[in-house]
Amino acid sequence: DIGRARDTVEVFRNHSQFELAGIFNAEGELLAGLTNGSPKSGL
C-alpha cells in the first residue's frame, strides 16, 4: 500500500533531525521515502 506508506513516512517531514526516511519492500525496492536535506546535499 504505497499511499499509506507515503502518508506514514511523511510524518518525518517535521523532524529536521532526520535527513532520510524510507520504507523498502522485501525485494529492496523503495516504496516511500522523503529527504529533508537540500537538493545540493547529495543525499
All heavy atoms as atom14 arrays in JSON, in Angstrom:
{
  "sequence": "DIGRARDTVEVFRNHSQFELAGIFNAEGELLAGLTNGSPKSGL",
  "atom14_mask": [
    [1, 1, 1, 1, 1, 1, 1, 1, 0, 0, 0, 0, 0, 0],
    [1, 1, 1, 1, 1, 1, 1, 1, 0, 0, 0, 0, 0, 0],
    [1, 1, 1, 1, 0, 0, 0, 0, 0, 0, 0, 0, 0, 0],
    [1, 1, 1, 1, 1, 1, 1, 1, 1, 1, 1, 0, 0, 0],
    [1, 1, 1, 1, 1, 0, 0, 0, 0, 0, 0, 0, 0, 0],
    [1, 1, 1, 1, 1, 1, 1, 1, 1, 1, 1, 0, 0, 0],
    [1, 1, 1, 1, 1, 1, 1, 1, 0, 0, 0, 0, 0, 0],
    [1, 1, 1, 1, 1, 1, 1, 0, 0, 0, 0, 0, 0, 0],
    [1, 1, 1, 1, 1, 1, 1, 0, 0, 0, 0, 0, 0, 0],
    [1, 1, 1, 1, 1, 1, 1, 1, 1, 0, 0, 0, 0, 0],
    [1, 1, 1, 1, 1, 1, 1, 0, 0, 0, 0, 0, 0, 0],
    [1, 1, 1, 1, 1, 1, 1, 1, 1, 1, 1, 0, 0, 0],
    [1, 1, 1, 1, 1, 1, 1, 1, 1, 1, 1, 0, 0, 0],
    [1, 1, 1, 1, 1, 1, 1, 1, 0, 0, 0, 0, 0, 0],
    [1, 1, 1, 1, 1, 1, 1, 1, 1, 1, 0, 0, 0, 0],
    [1, 1, 1, 1, 1, 1, 0, 0, 0, 0, 0, 0, 0, 0],
    [1, 1, 1, 1, 1, 1, 1, 1, 1, 0, 0, 0, 0, 0],
    [1, 1, 1, 1, 1, 1, 1, 1, 1, 1, 1, 0, 0, 0],
    [1, 1, 1, 1, 1, 1, 1, 1, 1, 0, 0, 0, 0, 0],
    [1, 1, 1, 1, 1, 1, 1, 1, 0, 0, 0, 0, 0, 0],
    [1, 1, 1, 1, 1, 0, 0, 0, 0, 0, 0, 0, 0, 0],
    [1, 1, 1, 1, 0, 0, 0, 0, 0, 0, 0, 0, 0, 0],
    [1, 1, 1, 1, 1, 1, 1, 1, 0, 0, 0, 0, 0, 0],
    [1, 1, 1, 1, 1, 1, 1, 1, 1, 1, 1, 0, 0, 0],
    [1, 1, 1, 1, 1, 1, 1, 1, 0, 0, 0, 0, 0, 0],
    [1, 1, 1, 1, 1, 0, 0, 0, 0, 0, 0, 0, 0, 0],
    [1, 1, 1, 1, 1, 1, 1, 1, 1, 0, 0, 0, 0, 0],
    [1, 1, 1, 1, 0, 0, 0, 0, 0, 0, 0, 0, 0, 0],
    [1, 1, 1, 1, 1, 1, 1, 1, 1, 0, 0, 0, 0, 0],
    [1, 1, 1, 1, 1, 1, 1, 1, 0, 0, 0, 0, 0, 0],
    [1, 1, 1, 1, 1, 1, 1, 1, 0, 0, 0, 0, 0, 0],
    [1, 1, 1, 1, 1, 0, 0, 0, 0, 0, 0, 0, 0, 0],
    [1, 1, 1, 1, 0, 0, 0, 0, 0, 0, 0, 0, 0, 0],
    [1, 1, 1, 1, 1, 1, 1, 1, 0, 0, 0, 0, 0, 0],
    [1, 1, 1, 1, 1, 1, 1, 0, 0, 0, 0, 0, 0, 0],
    [1, 1, 1, 1, 1, 1, 1, 1, 0, 0, 0, 0, 0, 0],
    [1, 1, 1, 1, 0, 0, 0, 0, 0, 0, 0, 0, 0, 0],
    [1, 1, 1, 1, 1, 1, 0, 0, 0, 0, 0, 0, 0, 0],
    [1, 1, 1, 1, 1, 1, 1, 0, 0, 0, 0, 0, 0, 0],
    [1, 1, 1, 1, 1, 1, 1, 1, 1, 0, 0, 0, 0, 0],
    [1, 1, 1, 1, 1, 1, 0, 0, 0, 0, 0, 0, 0, 0],
    [1, 1, 1, 1, 0, 0, 0, 0, 0, 0, 0, 0, 0, 0],
    [1, 1, 1, 1, 1, 1, 1, 1, 0, 0, 0, 0, 0, 0]
  ],
  "atom14_positions": [
    [[0.87, -1.18, 0.0], [0.0, 0.0, 0.0], [0.91, 1.24, 0.0], [1.25, 1.78, 1.05], [-0.89, -0.02, 1.23], [-1.95, 1.07, 1.2], [-1.82, 2.01, 0.39], [-2.92, 0.99, 1.98], [0.0, 0.0, 0.0], [0.0, 0.0, 0.0], [0.0, 0.0, 0.0], [0.0, 0.0, 0.0], [0.0, 0.0, 0.0], [0.0, 0.0, 0.0]],
    [[1.27, 1.68, -1.19], [2.24, 2.77, -1.33], [1.68, 4.07, -0.75], [2.4, 4.85, -0.11], [2.63, 2.95, -2.8], [3.34, 1.69, -3.31], [3.54, 4.17, -2.98], [3.72, 1.75, -4.78], [0.0, 0.0, 0.0], [0.0, 0.0, 0.0], [0.0, 0.0, 0.0], [0.0, 0.0, 0.0], [0.0, 0.0, 0.0], [0.0, 0.0, 0.0]],
    [[0.38, 4.33, -0.96], [-0.22, 5.56, -0.46], [-0.13, 5.66, 1.06], [0.25, 6.7, 1.6], [0.0, 0.0, 0.0], [0.0, 0.0, 0.0], [0.0, 0.0, 0.0], [0.0, 0.0, 0.0], [0.0, 0.0, 0.0], [0.0, 0.0, 0.0], [0.0, 0.0, 0.0], [0.0, 0.0, 0.0], [0.0, 0.0, 0.0], [0.0, 0.0, 0.0]],
    [[-0.47, 4.59, 1.72], [-0.4, 4.59, 3.18], [1.04, 4.68, 3.66], [1.34, 5.34, 4.66], [-1.07, 3.34, 3.73], [-1.15, 3.3, 5.24], [-1.84, 2.03, 5.72], [-1.78, 1.91, 7.16], [-2.2, 0.85, 7.82], [-2.72, -0.18, 7.15], [-2.12, 0.81, 9.14], [0.0, 0.0, 0.0], [0.0, 0.0, 0.0], [0.0, 0.0, 0.0]],
    [[1.93, 4.01, 2.95], [3.35, 4.06, 3.32], [3.88, 5.49, 3.2], [4.61, 5.97, 4.07], [4.16, 3.12, 2.44], [0.0, 0.0, 0.0], [0.0, 0.0, 0.0], [0.0, 0.0, 0.0], [0.0, 0.0, 0.0], [0.0, 0.0, 0.0], [0.0, 0.0, 0.0], [0.0, 0.0, 0.0], [0.0, 0.0, 0.0], [0.0, 0.0, 0.0]],
    [[3.47, 6.2, 2.13], [3.91, 7.59, 1.97], [3.35, 8.48, 3.06], [4.04, 9.36, 3.58], [3.48, 8.09, 0.59], [4.3, 7.51, -0.56], [3.75, 7.98, -1.89], [4.56, 7.45, -3.0], [4.22, 7.59, -4.28], [3.08, 8.21, -4.61], [5.01, 7.09, -5.22], [0.0, 0.0, 0.0], [0.0, 0.0, 0.0], [0.0, 0.0, 0.0]],
    [[2.09, 8.27, 3.4], [1.48, 9.08, 4.46], [2.2, 8.87, 5.79], [2.39, 9.83, 6.56], [0.0, 8.72, 4.61], [-0.83, 9.16, 3.41], [-0.36, 10.04, 2.67], [-1.94, 8.61, 3.23], [0.0, 0.0, 0.0], [0.0, 0.0, 0.0], [0.0, 0.0, 0.0], [0.0, 0.0, 0.0], [0.0, 0.0, 0.0], [0.0, 0.0, 0.0]],
    [[2.58, 7.65, 6.05], [3.26, 7.35, 7.32], [4.65, 7.96, 7.37], [5.03, 8.58, 8.37], [3.37, 5.82, 7.52], [2.06, 5.24, 7.46], [3.99, 5.52, 8.87], [0.0, 0.0, 0.0], [0.0, 0.0, 0.0], [0.0, 0.0, 0.0], [0.0, 0.0, 0.0], [0.0, 0.0, 0.0], [0.0, 0.0, 0.0], [0.0, 0.0, 0.0]],
    [[5.4, 7.81, 6.3], [6.76, 8.33, 6.31], [6.78, 9.85, 6.22], [7.76, 10.5, 6.62], [7.58, 7.71, 5.15], [7.28, 8.41, 3.83], [9.09, 7.76, 5.44], [0.0, 0.0, 0.0], [0.0, 0.0, 0.0], [0.0, 0.0, 0.0], [0.0, 0.0, 0.0], [0.0, 0.0, 0.0], [0.0, 0.0, 0.0], [0.0, 0.0, 0.0]],
    [[5.68, 10.44, 5.74], [5.61, 11.89, 5.62], [5.63, 12.57, 6.99], [5.95, 13.76, 7.1], [4.33, 12.29, 4.87], [4.29, 13.73, 4.41], [5.33, 14.05, 3.35], [5.77, 13.11, 2.65], [5.71, 15.23, 3.23], [0.0, 0.0, 0.0], [0.0, 0.0, 0.0], [0.0, 0.0, 0.0], [0.0, 0.0, 0.0], [0.0, 0.0, 0.0]],
    [[5.32, 11.82, 8.03], [5.38, 12.37, 9.39], [6.77, 12.9, 9.71], [6.93, 13.89, 10.45], [4.96, 11.3, 10.42], [5.14, 11.8, 11.85], [3.51, 10.88, 10.18], [0.0, 0.0, 0.0], [0.0, 0.0, 0.0], [0.0, 0.0, 0.0], [0.0, 0.0, 0.0], [0.0, 0.0, 0.0], [0.0, 0.0, 0.0], [0.0, 0.0, 0.0]],
    [[7.79, 12.3, 9.12], [9.16, 12.7, 9.41], [9.54, 13.99, 8.7], [10.65, 14.48, 8.89], [10.13, 11.58, 9.02], [10.08, 10.41, 9.95], [9.17, 9.37, 9.75], [10.93, 10.34, 11.04], [9.12, 8.3, 10.61], [10.88, 9.27, 11.91], [9.97, 8.24, 11.71], [0.0, 0.0, 0.0], [0.0, 0.0, 0.0], [0.0, 0.0, 0.0]],
    [[8.62, 14.55, 7.94], [8.88, 15.83, 7.29], [9.1, 16.92, 8.34], [9.86, 17.87, 8.12], [7.7, 16.21, 6.39], [7.89, 17.49, 5.61], [8.83, 17.33, 4.48], [8.31, 16.4, 3.48], [9.01, 16.0, 2.41], [10.26, 16.43, 2.24], [8.48, 15.16, 1.55], [0.0, 0.0, 0.0], [0.0, 0.0, 0.0], [0.0, 0.0, 0.0]],
    [[8.44, 16.78, 9.48], [8.55, 17.78, 10.54], [9.68, 17.49, 11.52], [9.84, 18.22, 12.5], [7.22, 17.87, 11.32], [6.06, 18.28, 10.43], [6.22, 19.1, 9.53], [4.89, 17.69, 10.68], [0.0, 0.0, 0.0], [0.0, 0.0, 0.0], [0.0, 0.0, 0.0], [0.0, 0.0, 0.0], [0.0, 0.0, 0.0], [0.0, 0.0, 0.0]],
    [[10.43, 16.41, 11.28], [11.55, 16.05, 12.15], [12.85, 16.42, 11.43], [13.38, 15.64, 10.65], [11.53, 14.56, 12.48], [10.34, 14.15, 13.31], [10.38, 14.06, 14.67], [9.08, 13.82, 12.95], [9.19, 13.69, 15.14], [8.39, 13.53, 14.1], [0.0, 0.0, 0.0], [0.0, 0.0, 0.0], [0.0, 0.0, 0.0], [0.0, 0.0, 0.0]],
    [[13.33, 17.63, 11.71], [14.52, 18.11, 11.0], [15.77, 17.33, 11.33], [16.78, 17.44, 10.62], [14.74, 19.6, 11.32], [14.92, 19.79, 12.71], [0.0, 0.0, 0.0], [0.0, 0.0, 0.0], [0.0, 0.0, 0.0], [0.0, 0.0, 0.0], [0.0, 0.0, 0.0], [0.0, 0.0, 0.0], [0.0, 0.0, 0.0], [0.0, 0.0, 0.0]],
    [[15.74, 16.55, 12.41], [16.95, 15.79, 12.77], [17.19, 14.62, 11.84], [18.25, 14.01, 11.87], [16.87, 15.3, 14.22], [15.84, 14.22, 14.5], [14.53, 14.81, 14.98], [14.13, 15.9, 14.55], [13.87, 14.11, 15.89], [0.0, 0.0, 0.0], [0.0, 0.0, 0.0], [0.0, 0.0, 0.0], [0.0, 0.0, 0.0], [0.0, 0.0, 0.0]],
    [[16.18, 14.3, 10.99], [16.34, 13.2, 10.04], [16.5, 13.76, 8.63], [15.69, 14.56, 8.17], [15.14, 12.27, 10.09], [14.98, 11.55, 11.4], [13.99, 11.92, 12.3], [15.84, 10.52, 11.75], [13.85, 11.27, 13.5], [15.7, 9.86, 12.96], [14.71, 10.24, 13.84], [0.0, 0.0, 0.0], [0.0, 0.0, 0.0], [0.0, 0.0, 0.0]],
    [[17.55, 13.31, 7.96], [17.76, 13.71, 6.57], [17.05, 12.76, 5.6], [16.55, 13.2, 4.57], [19.26, 13.71, 6.25], [20.0, 14.91, 6.78], [21.45, 14.94, 6.35], [21.99, 13.87, 5.99], [22.05, 16.02, 6.38], [0.0, 0.0, 0.0], [0.0, 0.0, 0.0], [0.0, 0.0, 0.0], [0.0, 0.0, 0.0], [0.0, 0.0, 0.0]],
    [[17.03, 11.49, 5.95], [16.41, 10.49, 5.1], [15.49, 9.6, 5.93], [15.84, 9.22, 7.05], [17.47, 9.61, 4.41], [18.36, 10.27, 3.35], [19.45, 9.3, 2.92], [17.53, 10.71, 2.16], [0.0, 0.0, 0.0], [0.0, 0.0, 0.0], [0.0, 0.0, 0.0], [0.0, 0.0, 0.0], [0.0, 0.0, 0.0], [0.0, 0.0, 0.0]],
    [[14.33, 9.29, 5.38], [13.41, 8.34, 6.0], [12.73, 7.58, 4.87], [12.13, 8.19, 3.98], [12.38, 9.06, 6.87], [0.0, 0.0, 0.0], [0.0, 0.0, 0.0], [0.0, 0.0, 0.0], [0.0, 0.0, 0.0], [0.0, 0.0, 0.0], [0.0, 0.0, 0.0], [0.0, 0.0, 0.0], [0.0, 0.0, 0.0], [0.0, 0.0, 0.0]],
    [[12.85, 6.27, 4.88], [12.32, 5.5, 3.77], [11.81, 4.13, 4.18], [12.16, 3.61, 5.25], [0.0, 0.0, 0.0], [0.0, 0.0, 0.0], [0.0, 0.0, 0.0], [0.0, 0.0, 0.0], [0.0, 0.0, 0.0], [0.0, 0.0, 0.0], [0.0, 0.0, 0.0], [0.0, 0.0, 0.0], [0.0, 0.0, 0.0], [0.0, 0.0, 0.0]],
    [[10.98, 3.56, 3.31], [10.41, 2.23, 3.51], [10.74, 1.39, 2.29], [10.46, 1.8, 1.15], [8.89, 2.3, 3.71], [8.55, 3.24, 4.87], [8.32, 0.91, 3.97], [7.07, 3.57, 4.95], [0.0, 0.0, 0.0], [0.0, 0.0, 0.0], [0.0, 0.0, 0.0], [0.0, 0.0, 0.0], [0.0, 0.0, 0.0], [0.0, 0.0, 0.0]],
    [[11.33, 0.23, 2.52], [11.71, -0.68, 1.44], [10.91, -1.97, 1.57], [10.63, -2.43, 2.68], [13.2, -1.0, 1.49], [14.09, 0.18, 1.25], [14.4, 1.07, 2.28], [14.62, 0.42, -0.01], [15.23, 2.16, 2.06], [15.45, 1.5, -0.25], [15.75, 2.39, 0.79], [0.0, 0.0, 0.0], [0.0, 0.0, 0.0], [0.0, 0.0, 0.0]],
    [[10.57, -2.55, 0.42], [9.87, -3.84, 0.46], [10.88, -4.97, 0.61], [12.09, -4.74, 0.73], [9.0, -4.03, -0.78], [9.82, -4.01, -2.07], [11.04, -4.21, -2.05], [9.16, -3.75, -3.19], [0.0, 0.0, 0.0], [0.0, 0.0, 0.0], [0.0, 0.0, 0.0], [0.0, 0.0, 0.0], [0.0, 0.0, 0.0], [0.0, 0.0, 0.0]],
    [[10.4, -6.19, 0.59], [11.27, -7.35, 0.8], [12.31, -7.5, -0.29], [13.36, -8.11, -0.08], [10.42, -8.61, 0.91], [0.0, 0.0, 0.0], [0.0, 0.0, 0.0], [0.0, 0.0, 0.0], [0.0, 0.0, 0.0], [0.0, 0.0, 0.0], [0.0, 0.0, 0.0], [0.0, 0.0, 0.0], [0.0, 0.0, 0.0], [0.0, 0.0, 0.0]],
    [[12.01, -6.97, -1.49], [12.96, -7.07, -2.61], [13.97, -5.92, -2.59], [14.82, -5.83, -3.48], [12.21, -7.04, -3.95], [11.42, -8.31, -4.24], [10.17, -8.42, -3.39], [9.57, -7.35, -3.08], [9.78, -9.55, -3.03], [0.0, 0.0, 0.0], [0.0, 0.0, 0.0], [0.0, 0.0, 0.0], [0.0, 0.0, 0.0], [0.0, 0.0, 0.0]],
    [[13.89, -5.04, -1.59], [14.83, -3.92, -1.51], [14.43, -2.72, -2.32], [15.23, -1.78, -2.48], [0.0, 0.0, 0.0], [0.0, 0.0, 0.0], [0.0, 0.0, 0.0], [0.0, 0.0, 0.0], [0.0, 0.0, 0.0], [0.0, 0.0, 0.0], [0.0, 0.0, 0.0], [0.0, 0.0, 0.0], [0.0, 0.0, 0.0], [0.0, 0.0, 0.0]],
    [[13.19, -2.7, -2.85], [12.72, -1.55, -3.62], [12.12, -0.51, -2.69], [11.43, -0.82, -1.72], [11.67, -2.01, -4.64], [12.19, -3.03, -5.64], [11.06, -3.61, -6.5], [9.88, -3.45, -6.1], [11.36, -4.22, -7.53], [0.0, 0.0, 0.0], [0.0, 0.0, 0.0], [0.0, 0.0, 0.0], [0.0, 0.0, 0.0], [0.0, 0.0, 0.0]],
    [[12.38, 0.76, -3.01], [11.88, 1.86, -2.19], [10.39, 2.06, -2.44], [9.98, 2.4, -3.55], [12.65, 3.15, -2.5], [12.27, 4.38, -1.69], [12.61, 4.17, -0.21], [13.0, 5.62, -2.23], [0.0, 0.0, 0.0], [0.0, 0.0, 0.0], [0.0, 0.0, 0.0], [0.0, 0.0, 0.0], [0.0, 0.0, 0.0], [0.0, 0.0, 0.0]],
    [[9.57, 1.85, -1.41], [8.13, 2.08, -1.53], [7.78, 3.54, -1.3], [6.96, 4.11, -2.01], [7.37, 1.21, -0.51], [7.37, -0.3, -0.73], [6.57, -0.97, 0.39], [6.77, -0.63, -2.09], [0.0, 0.0, 0.0], [0.0, 0.0, 0.0], [0.0, 0.0, 0.0], [0.0, 0.0, 0.0], [0.0, 0.0, 0.0], [0.0, 0.0, 0.0]],
    [[8.38, 4.14, -0.29], [8.1, 5.53, 0.05], [9.3, 6.1, 0.78], [9.94, 5.4, 1.56], [6.84, 5.64, 0.92], [0.0, 0.0, 0.0], [0.0, 0.0, 0.0], [0.0, 0.0, 0.0], [0.0, 0.0, 0.0], [0.0, 0.0, 0.0], [0.0, 0.0, 0.0], [0.0, 0.0, 0.0], [0.0, 0.0, 0.0], [0.0, 0.0, 0.0]],
    [[9.57, 7.34, 0.54], [10.7, 7.97, 1.21], [10.64, 9.48, 1.11], [9.94, 10.03, 0.25], [0.0, 0.0, 0.0], [0.0, 0.0, 0.0], [0.0, 0.0, 0.0], [0.0, 0.0, 0.0], [0.0, 0.0, 0.0], [0.0, 0.0, 0.0], [0.0, 0.0, 0.0], [0.0, 0.0, 0.0], [0.0, 0.0, 0.0], [0.0, 0.0, 0.0]],
    [[11.35, 10.13, 1.98], [11.43, 11.59, 1.94], [12.84, 12.01, 2.28], [13.59, 11.31, 2.96], [10.42, 12.24, 2.88], [10.57, 12.06, 4.39], [11.54, 13.07, 4.99], [9.22, 12.25, 5.06], [0.0, 0.0, 0.0], [0.0, 0.0, 0.0], [0.0, 0.0, 0.0], [0.0, 0.0, 0.0], [0.0, 0.0, 0.0], [0.0, 0.0, 0.0]],
    [[13.19, 13.19, 1.78], [14.5, 13.77, 2.0], [14.32, 15.15, 2.6], [13.68, 16.02, 2.0], [15.29, 13.87, 0.68], [15.39, 12.58, 0.09], [16.69, 14.42, 0.93], [0.0, 0.0, 0.0], [0.0, 0.0, 0.0], [0.0, 0.0, 0.0], [0.0, 0.0, 0.0], [0.0, 0.0, 0.0], [0.0, 0.0, 0.0], [0.0, 0.0, 0.0]],
    [[14.88, 15.35, 3.77], [14.79, 16.66, 4.42], [15.97, 17.56, 4.11], [15.96, 18.73, 4.45], [14.68, 16.5, 5.95], [13.26, 16.15, 6.38], [12.3, 16.5, 5.71], [13.14, 15.46, 7.5], [0.0, 0.0, 0.0], [0.0, 0.0, 0.0], [0.0, 0.0, 0.0], [0.0, 0.0, 0.0], [0.0, 0.0, 0.0], [0.0, 0.0, 0.0]],
    [[17.0, 17.0, 3.47], [18.16, 17.8, 3.12], [17.91, 18.64, 1.89], [16.93, 18.48, 1.16], [0.0, 0.0, 0.0], [0.0, 0.0, 0.0], [0.0, 0.0, 0.0], [0.0, 0.0, 0.0], [0.0, 0.0, 0.0], [0.0, 0.0, 0.0], [0.0, 0.0, 0.0], [0.0, 0.0, 0.0], [0.0, 0.0, 0.0], [0.0, 0.0, 0.0]],
    [[18.81, 19.59, 1.66], [18.69, 20.44, 0.48], [19.04, 19.64, -0.77], [19.74, 18.62, -0.7], [19.64, 21.63, 0.61], [20.99, 21.2, 0.63], [0.0, 0.0, 0.0], [0.0, 0.0, 0.0], [0.0, 0.0, 0.0], [0.0, 0.0, 0.0], [0.0, 0.0, 0.0], [0.0, 0.0, 0.0], [0.0, 0.0, 0.0], [0.0, 0.0, 0.0]],
    [[18.56, 20.07, -1.95], [18.87, 19.34, -3.18], [20.36, 19.23, -3.47], [20.8, 18.32, -4.15], [18.16, 20.18, -4.26], [17.07, 20.9, -3.52], [17.64, 21.19, -2.16], [0.0, 0.0, 0.0], [0.0, 0.0, 0.0], [0.0, 0.0, 0.0], [0.0, 0.0, 0.0], [0.0, 0.0, 0.0], [0.0, 0.0, 0.0], [0.0, 0.0, 0.0]],
    [[21.13, 20.17, -2.92], [22.57, 20.17, -3.18], [23.34, 19.33, -2.16], [24.57, 19.28, -2.21], [23.1, 21.61, -3.15], [22.52, 22.5, -4.25], [23.1, 23.89, -4.17], [22.54, 24.79, -5.27], [23.11, 26.17, -5.21], [0.0, 0.0, 0.0], [0.0, 0.0, 0.0], [0.0, 0.0, 0.0], [0.0, 0.0, 0.0], [0.0, 0.0, 0.0]],
    [[22.64, 18.74, -1.22], [23.33, 17.99, -0.17], [23.87, 16.66, -0.66], [24.71, 16.04, -0.01], [22.39, 17.76, 1.02], [21.24, 17.04, 0.6], [0.0, 0.0, 0.0], [0.0, 0.0, 0.0], [0.0, 0.0, 0.0], [0.0, 0.0, 0.0], [0.0, 0.0, 0.0], [0.0, 0.0, 0.0], [0.0, 0.0, 0.0], [0.0, 0.0, 0.0]],
    [[23.39, 16.19, -1.82], [23.9, 14.94, -2.39], [23.51, 13.7, -1.62], [24.25, 12.72, -1.61], [0.0, 0.0, 0.0], [0.0, 0.0, 0.0], [0.0, 0.0, 0.0], [0.0, 0.0, 0.0], [0.0, 0.0, 0.0], [0.0, 0.0, 0.0], [0.0, 0.0, 0.0], [0.0, 0.0, 0.0], [0.0, 0.0, 0.0], [0.0, 0.0, 0.0]],
    [[22.36, 13.71, -0.96], [21.92, 12.55, -0.19], [21.53, 11.42, -1.12], [20.89, 11.63, -2.15], [20.74, 12.93, 0.71], [21.03, 13.95, 1.81], [19.75, 14.33, 2.52], [22.05, 13.41, 2.79], [0.0, 0.0, 0.0], [0.0, 0.0, 0.0], [0.0, 0.0, 0.0], [0.0, 0.0, 0.0], [0.0, 0.0, 0.0], [0.0, 0.0, 0.0]]
  ]
}
